[in-house]
């Protein structure tokens, strides 16, 4: 089993969107028994809250189920569980690398780094500008490449 963890600041916008989209992709690829997907936030501020209404609406518009998802902060055990930790922006990556045990730091990657023309670029937080369509588009471009990476390198 390959375990994938998506991380953003509050776990109500980008990372739950990534989790929901990736779960659908994994299921459609027939790999649900080989790839587990979860998400968490750097902050505990939104703990227990569902995805942001804008994230919910964007996912629903694309027929992607988010039901039952609630925000939670990343925990030490997540670093042990995850084989791949995908952060949404450089600030997330900084905090993840500060928190991670030394032997787990290599698991941490910036989401858009999988796209050669987007390396080093952040997925901006739509909590601030409500551009959830932009977030969906960026995830829809990068997540298939992450699935290809997992299939080629981890399964």
C-alpha atoms as a PDB file:
ATOM      1  CA  UNK A   1       0.000   0.000   0.000  1.00  0.00           C
ATOM      2  CA  UNK A   2       1.246   3.462  -0.924  1.00  0.00           C
ATOM      3  CA  UNK A   3       0.000   6.194   1.409  1.00  0.00           C
ATOM      4  CA  UNK A   4      -0.364   9.746   0.071  1.00  0.00           C
ATOM      5  CA  UNK A   5      -0.946  12.774   2.309  1.00  0.00           C
ATOM      6  CA  UNK A   6      -1.915  16.195   0.945  1.00  0.00           C
ATOM      7  CA  UNK A   7      -1.194  19.191   3.177  1.00  0.00           C
ATOM      8  CA  UNK A   8      -2.169  22.859   3.171  1.00  0.00           C
ATOM      9  CA  UNK A   9      -2.548  25.497   5.867  1.00  0.00           C
ATOM     10  CA  UNK A  10      -5.990  24.828   7.342  1.00  0.00           C
ATOM     11  CA  UNK A  11      -7.081  21.623   5.580  1.00  0.00           C
ATOM     12  CA  UNK A  12     -10.335  23.193   4.383  1.00  0.00           C
ATOM     13  CA  UNK A  13      -9.482  24.306   0.812  1.00  0.00           C
ATOM     14  CA  UNK A  14      -6.548  22.950  -1.182  1.00  0.00           C
ATOM     15  CA  UNK A  15      -5.639  19.708   0.582  1.00  0.00           C
ATOM     16  CA  UNK A  16      -9.199  18.364   0.942  1.00  0.00           C
ATOM     17  CA  UNK A  17      -9.804  19.242  -2.712  1.00  0.00           C
ATOM     18  CA  UNK A  18      -6.639  17.338  -3.621  1.00  0.00           C
ATOM     19  CA  UNK A  19      -7.675  14.406  -1.431  1.00  0.00           C
ATOM     20  CA  UNK A  20     -11.151  14.179  -2.987  1.00  0.00           C
ATOM     21  CA  UNK A  21      -9.891  14.551  -6.572  1.00  0.00           C
ATOM     22  CA  UNK A  22      -7.053  12.056  -6.040  1.00  0.00           C
ATOM     23  CA  UNK A  23      -9.341   9.496  -4.372  1.00  0.00           C
ATOM     24  CA  UNK A  24     -11.615   9.637  -7.416  1.00  0.00           C
ATOM     25  CA  UNK A  25      -8.637   9.222  -9.775  1.00  0.00           C
ATOM     26  CA  UNK A  26      -7.274   6.296  -7.759  1.00  0.00           C
ATOM     27  CA  UNK A  27     -10.675   4.604  -7.721  1.00  0.00           C
ATOM     28  CA  UNK A  28     -11.168   5.127 -11.472  1.00  0.00           C
ATOM     29  CA  UNK A  29      -7.689   3.658 -12.092  1.00  0.00           C
ATOM     30  CA  UNK A  30      -8.669   0.547 -10.121  1.00  0.00           C
ATOM     31  CA  UNK A  31      -5.959   1.225  -7.532  1.00  0.00           C
ATOM     32  CA  UNK A  32      -8.052   1.847  -4.402  1.00  0.00           C
ATOM     33  CA  UNK A  33      -6.612  -1.323  -2.876  1.00  0.00           C
ATOM     34  CA  UNK A  34      -3.051  -0.110  -3.537  1.00  0.00           C
ATOM     35  CA  UNK A  35      -3.155   3.639  -2.785  1.00  0.00           C
ATOM     36  CA  UNK A  36      -4.546   5.266   0.373  1.00  0.00           C
ATOM     37  CA  UNK A  37      -5.192   9.013   0.386  1.00  0.00           C
ATOM     38  CA  UNK A  38      -5.626  11.498   3.234  1.00  0.00           C
ATOM     39  CA  UNK A  39      -5.133  15.200   3.942  1.00  0.00           C
ATOM     40  CA  UNK A  40      -4.169  17.398   6.876  1.00  0.00           C
ATOM     41  CA  UNK A  41      -3.324  20.980   7.733  1.00  0.00           C
ATOM     42  CA  UNK A  42      -0.333  22.736   9.213  1.00  0.00           C
ATOM     43  CA  UNK A  43      -2.675  24.679  11.517  1.00  0.00           C
ATOM     44  CA  UNK A  44      -5.246  23.271  13.946  1.00  0.00           C
ATOM     45  CA  UNK A  45      -7.392  26.422  13.634  1.00  0.00           C
ATOM     46  CA  UNK A  46     -10.018  24.766  11.421  1.00  0.00           C
ATOM     47  CA  UNK A  47      -9.943  21.364  13.178  1.00  0.00           C
ATOM     48  CA  UNK A  48     -13.236  19.512  12.828  1.00  0.00           C
ATOM     49  CA  UNK A  49     -14.620  21.836  10.154  1.00  0.00           C
ATOM     50  CA  UNK A  50     -15.825  20.576   6.765  1.00  0.00           C
ATOM     51  CA  UNK A  51     -14.195  21.837   3.576  1.00  0.00           C
ATOM     52  CA  UNK A  52     -14.745  25.531   2.793  1.00  0.00           C
ATOM     53  CA  UNK A  53     -18.109  26.138   1.049  1.00  0.00           C
ATOM     54  CA  UNK A  54     -16.200  27.296  -2.049  1.00  0.00           C
ATOM     55  CA  UNK A  55     -14.235  24.029  -2.129  1.00  0.00           C
ATOM     56  CA  UNK A  56     -17.446  22.055  -1.648  1.00  0.00           C
ATOM     57  CA  UNK A  57     -19.143  23.876  -4.522  1.00  0.00           C
ATOM     58  CA  UNK A  58     -16.172  23.437  -6.858  1.00  0.00           C
ATOM     59  CA  UNK A  59     -15.907  19.714  -6.124  1.00  0.00           C
ATOM     60  CA  UNK A  60     -19.669  19.226  -6.527  1.00  0.00           C
ATOM     61  CA  UNK A  61     -19.577  21.071  -9.857  1.00  0.00           C
ATOM     62  CA  UNK A  62     -17.150  18.385 -11.079  1.00  0.00           C
ATOM     63  CA  UNK A  63     -19.066  15.471  -9.554  1.00  0.00           C
ATOM     64  CA  UNK A  64     -16.479  14.789  -6.855  1.00  0.00           C
ATOM     65  CA  UNK A  65     -17.629  13.549  -3.452  1.00  0.00           C
ATOM     66  CA  UNK A  66     -16.262  15.285  -0.363  1.00  0.00           C
ATOM     67  CA  UNK A  67     -18.813  14.040   2.191  1.00  0.00           C
ATOM     68  CA  UNK A  68     -17.476  13.112   5.589  1.00  0.00           C
ATOM     69  CA  UNK A  69     -14.286  15.131   5.240  1.00  0.00           C
ATOM     70  CA  UNK A  70     -13.239  17.268   8.206  1.00  0.00           C
ATOM     71  CA  UNK A  71     -10.143  19.324   8.840  1.00  0.00           C
ATOM     72  CA  UNK A  72      -7.420  17.969  11.055  1.00  0.00           C
ATOM     73  CA  UNK A  73      -3.893  19.069  11.884  1.00  0.00           C
ATOM     74  CA  UNK A  74      -0.926  16.990  10.806  1.00  0.00           C
ATOM     75  CA  UNK A  75       0.454  14.732  13.531  1.00  0.00           C
ATOM     76  CA  UNK A  76       3.766  12.994  14.071  1.00  0.00           C
ATOM     77  CA  UNK A  77       2.228   9.649  13.101  1.00  0.00           C
ATOM     78  CA  UNK A  78       1.356  11.075   9.659  1.00  0.00           C
ATOM     79  CA  UNK A  79       5.044  11.264   8.759  1.00  0.00           C
ATOM     80  CA  UNK A  80       5.446   7.571   9.546  1.00  0.00           C
ATOM     81  CA  UNK A  81       2.218   6.612   7.720  1.00  0.00           C
ATOM     82  CA  UNK A  82       2.780   8.580   4.520  1.00  0.00           C
ATOM     83  CA  UNK A  83       5.017   7.439   1.683  1.00  0.00           C
ATOM     84  CA  UNK A  84       4.453  10.726  -0.143  1.00  0.00           C
ATOM     85  CA  UNK A  85       3.600  14.083   1.460  1.00  0.00           C
ATOM     86  CA  UNK A  86       2.463  16.718  -1.019  1.00  0.00           C
ATOM     87  CA  UNK A  87       2.278  20.317   0.194  1.00  0.00           C
ATOM     88  CA  UNK A  88       0.418  23.039  -1.646  1.00  0.00           C
ATOM     89  CA  UNK A  89       2.820  25.943  -1.175  1.00  0.00           C
ATOM     90  CA  UNK A  90       6.384  26.725  -0.130  1.00  0.00           C
ATOM     91  CA  UNK A  91       5.285  27.806   3.357  1.00  0.00           C
ATOM     92  CA  UNK A  92       3.628  24.393   3.857  1.00  0.00           C
ATOM     93  CA  UNK A  93       6.856  22.712   2.725  1.00  0.00           C
ATOM     94  CA  UNK A  94       8.917  24.816   5.142  1.00  0.00           C
ATOM     95  CA  UNK A  95       6.735  23.876   8.111  1.00  0.00           C
ATOM     96  CA  UNK A  96       6.524  20.229   7.088  1.00  0.00           C
ATOM     97  CA  UNK A  97      10.309  19.983   6.917  1.00  0.00           C
ATOM     98  CA  UNK A  98      10.566  21.639  10.347  1.00  0.00           C
ATOM     99  CA  UNK A  99       8.132  19.105  11.820  1.00  0.00           C
ATOM    100  CA  UNK A 100       9.263  15.957  10.020  1.00  0.00           C
ATOM    101  CA  UNK A 101      11.661  13.461  11.539  1.00  0.00           C
ATOM    102  CA  UNK A 102      14.949  13.569   9.598  1.00  0.00           C
ATOM    103  CA  UNK A 103      14.354  10.249   7.806  1.00  0.00           C
ATOM    104  CA  UNK A 104      10.917  11.399   6.549  1.00  0.00           C
ATOM    105  CA  UNK A 105      11.950  14.736   4.966  1.00  0.00           C
ATOM    106  CA  UNK A 106      12.568  13.155   1.548  1.00  0.00           C
ATOM    107  CA  UNK A 107       8.859  12.253   1.375  1.00  0.00           C
ATOM    108  CA  UNK A 108       7.879  15.949   1.262  1.00  0.00           C
ATOM    109  CA  UNK A 109       7.200  17.523  -2.142  1.00  0.00           C
ATOM    110  CA  UNK A 110       5.661  20.729  -3.482  1.00  0.00           C
ATOM    111  CA  UNK A 111       2.556  19.800  -5.487  1.00  0.00           C
ATOM    112  CA  UNK A 112       3.387  21.665  -8.700  1.00  0.00           C
ATOM    113  CA  UNK A 113       7.009  20.412  -8.766  1.00  0.00           C
ATOM    114  CA  UNK A 114       5.715  17.383 -10.690  1.00  0.00           C
ATOM    115  CA  UNK A 115       5.127  19.720 -13.671  1.00  0.00           C
ATOM    116  CA  UNK A 116       8.428  20.801 -15.304  1.00  0.00           C
ATOM    117  CA  UNK A 117       7.110  24.257 -16.249  1.00  0.00           C
ATOM    118  CA  UNK A 118       5.633  24.880 -12.785  1.00  0.00           C
ATOM    119  CA  UNK A 119       8.501  23.774 -10.522  1.00  0.00           C
ATOM    120  CA  UNK A 120       8.834  25.917  -7.415  1.00  0.00           C
ATOM    121  CA  UNK A 121       5.411  27.490  -7.879  1.00  0.00           C
ATOM    122  CA  UNK A 122       2.726  27.524  -5.205  1.00  0.00           C
ATOM    123  CA  UNK A 123      -0.949  26.684  -5.480  1.00  0.00           C
ATOM    124  CA  UNK A 124      -2.318  29.931  -3.990  1.00  0.00           C
ATOM    125  CA  UNK A 125      -4.728  29.617  -1.078  1.00  0.00           C
ATOM    126  CA  UNK A 126      -8.264  30.266  -2.397  1.00  0.00           C
ATOM    127  CA  UNK A 127      -9.408  31.101   1.131  1.00  0.00           C
ATOM    128  CA  UNK A 128      -8.115  34.613   0.444  1.00  0.00           C
ATOM    129  CA  UNK A 129      -9.410  35.293  -3.076  1.00  0.00           C
ATOM    130  CA  UNK A 130     -12.123  32.603  -3.509  1.00  0.00           C
ATOM    131  CA  UNK A 131     -10.635  31.386  -6.803  1.00  0.00           C
ATOM    132  CA  UNK A 132     -11.525  27.741  -6.205  1.00  0.00           C
ATOM    133  CA  UNK A 133     -11.727  27.140  -9.962  1.00  0.00           C
ATOM    134  CA  UNK A 134      -8.035  28.038 -10.255  1.00  0.00           C
ATOM    135  CA  UNK A 135      -7.216  25.599  -7.457  1.00  0.00           C
ATOM    136  CA  UNK A 136      -9.233  22.861  -9.157  1.00  0.00           C
ATOM    137  CA  UNK A 137      -7.467  23.534 -12.480  1.00  0.00           C
ATOM    138  CA  UNK A 138      -3.997  23.406 -10.897  1.00  0.00           C
ATOM    139  CA  UNK A 139      -4.819  20.182  -9.061  1.00  0.00           C
ATOM    140  CA  UNK A 140      -6.376  18.671 -12.192  1.00  0.00           C
ATOM    141  CA  UNK A 141      -3.143  19.334 -14.064  1.00  0.00           C
ATOM    142  CA  UNK A 142      -0.719  18.108 -11.393  1.00  0.00           C
ATOM    143  CA  UNK A 143      -2.480  15.180  -9.716  1.00  0.00           C
ATOM    144  CA  UNK A 144      -2.550  12.888 -12.781  1.00  0.00           C
ATOM    145  CA  UNK A 145       1.242  13.297 -12.948  1.00  0.00           C
ATOM    146  CA  UNK A 146       1.523  12.332  -9.269  1.00  0.00           C
ATOM    147  CA  UNK A 147      -0.560   9.233  -9.980  1.00  0.00           C
ATOM    148  CA  UNK A 148       1.762   8.375 -12.884  1.00  0.00           C
ATOM    149  CA  UNK A 149       4.748   8.899 -10.570  1.00  0.00           C
ATOM    150  CA  UNK A 150       3.292   6.553  -7.951  1.00  0.00           C
ATOM    151  CA  UNK A 151       2.477   3.895 -10.533  1.00  0.00           C
ATOM    152  CA  UNK A 152       6.006   4.081 -11.962  1.00  0.00           C
ATOM    153  CA  UNK A 153       7.983   4.356  -8.713  1.00  0.00           C
ATOM    154  CA  UNK A 154       6.005   3.133  -5.741  1.00  0.00           C
ATOM    155  CA  UNK A 155       3.644   0.319  -6.731  1.00  0.00           C
END
